[in-house]
Amino acid sequence: MSKGAKKGKGAKLAYRPIGLAAGVAAGAVSGVLFKQVWKRISGEDDAPDALQSEYPMWEIVVSAALQGAIFAATKATIDRLGAQGFTKLTGAWPGD
């Protein structure tokens, strides 16, 4: 195994706790962002739940798709920023 491969594997292991914390943070941040966005576009405080019969199917699907998109974008942003910070501290990129 080459020195670069060992460094990359060690970086992945060392980054795991940071990645886990970043995932939790992404979930929390995206939840807050989604609530604010949903409130602005729908005028309601809470998004519809899939089992609430008073909402039409299209509104349930739009809500779920928007929530998923916000979570994915937030998680990617936080993961990337965390990896960049890790690289500045250690000199190794955690994803390689």
Protein backbone atom coordinates (compact mmCIF):
# COMPACT_ATOMS: atom_id res chain seq x y z
CA MET A 1 0.00 0.00 0.00
CA SER A 2 1.40 3.38 -0.96
CA LYS A 3 1.94 6.24 1.48
CA GLY A 4 -0.76 8.31 -0.29
CA ALA A 5 -3.29 5.48 0.01
CA LYS A 6 -2.57 5.12 3.75
CA LYS A 7 -2.99 8.86 4.23
CA GLY A 8 -6.31 8.82 2.34
CA LYS A 9 -7.65 5.89 4.36
CA GLY A 10 -6.60 7.54 7.62
CA ALA A 11 -8.24 10.78 6.54
CA LYS A 12 -11.51 8.95 5.85
CA LEU A 13 -11.47 7.38 9.31
CA ALA A 14 -10.54 10.63 11.04
CA TYR A 15 -13.27 12.50 9.16
CA ARG A 16 -16.09 10.11 10.15
CA PRO A 17 -17.06 11.88 13.40
CA ILE A 18 -16.95 15.23 11.60
CA GLY A 19 -19.08 13.84 8.78
CA LEU A 20 -21.59 12.45 11.26
CA ALA A 21 -21.86 15.78 13.07
CA ALA A 22 -22.19 17.55 9.70
CA GLY A 23 -25.07 15.24 8.78
CA VAL A 24 -26.91 16.02 12.01
CA ALA A 25 -26.30 19.74 11.49
CA ALA A 26 -27.55 19.50 7.90
CA GLY A 27 -30.76 17.87 9.09
CA ALA A 28 -31.37 20.58 11.67
CA VAL A 29 -30.54 23.46 9.32
CA SER A 30 -32.56 22.06 6.43
CA GLY A 31 -35.58 21.55 8.71
CA VAL A 32 -35.51 25.21 9.72
CA LEU A 33 -34.99 26.35 6.13
CA PHE A 34 -37.83 24.18 4.84
CA LYS A 35 -40.26 25.49 7.46
CA GLN A 36 -39.44 29.08 6.48
CA VAL A 37 -39.72 28.41 2.75
CA TRP A 38 -42.96 26.47 3.14
CA LYS A 39 -44.46 29.21 5.31
CA ARG A 40 -43.66 31.82 2.66
CA ILE A 41 -45.00 29.90 -0.33
CA SER A 42 -48.08 28.36 1.30
CA GLY A 43 -48.97 30.79 4.07
CA GLU A 44 -49.25 27.86 6.50
CA ASP A 45 -47.00 27.16 9.48
CA ASP A 46 -46.64 23.43 8.84
CA ALA A 47 -46.20 21.39 5.70
CA PRO A 48 -48.85 18.77 4.96
CA ASP A 49 -48.26 15.22 6.10
CA ALA A 50 -48.83 12.40 3.62
CA LEU A 51 -51.66 11.01 5.76
CA GLN A 52 -53.62 14.26 6.13
CA SER A 53 -56.66 13.79 3.91
CA GLU A 54 -57.53 17.50 3.70
CA TYR A 55 -54.56 18.18 1.38
CA PRO A 56 -54.56 17.28 -2.32
CA MET A 57 -51.96 14.83 -3.60
CA TRP A 58 -50.10 17.47 -5.61
CA GLU A 59 -49.51 19.56 -2.48
CA ILE A 60 -48.15 16.55 -0.58
CA VAL A 61 -45.78 15.70 -3.44
CA VAL A 62 -44.60 19.30 -3.92
CA SER A 63 -43.97 19.62 -0.19
CA ALA A 64 -41.99 16.37 -0.04
CA ALA A 65 -39.96 17.21 -3.16
CA LEU A 66 -39.12 20.67 -1.84
CA GLN A 67 -38.13 19.27 1.54
CA GLY A 68 -35.88 16.68 -0.12
CA ALA A 69 -34.24 19.26 -2.38
CA ILE A 70 -33.55 21.62 0.51
CA PHE A 71 -32.10 18.78 2.59
CA ALA A 72 -29.87 17.54 -0.25
CA ALA A 73 -28.54 21.02 -1.04
CA THR A 74 -27.94 21.82 2.64
CA LYS A 75 -26.20 18.49 3.29
CA ALA A 76 -23.97 18.85 0.22
CA THR A 77 -23.01 22.38 1.27
CA ILE A 78 -22.23 21.44 4.86
CA ASP A 79 -20.37 18.27 3.82
CA ARG A 80 -18.25 20.20 1.33
CA LEU A 81 -17.43 22.97 3.80
CA GLY A 82 -16.54 20.38 6.44
CA ALA A 83 -14.25 18.55 4.02
CA GLN A 84 -12.55 21.79 3.02
CA GLY A 85 -11.98 22.70 6.67
CA PHE A 86 -10.66 19.21 7.41
CA THR A 87 -8.26 19.50 4.47
CA LYS A 88 -6.96 22.86 5.70
CA LEU A 89 -6.26 21.32 9.10
CA THR A 90 -4.79 17.99 7.99
CA GLY A 91 -3.65 18.40 4.41
CA ALA A 92 -5.68 15.33 3.35
CA TRP A 93 -8.99 15.31 1.49
CA PRO A 94 -11.39 12.98 3.35
CA GLY A 95 -13.17 11.70 0.25
CA ASP A 96 -10.20 10.37 -1.73
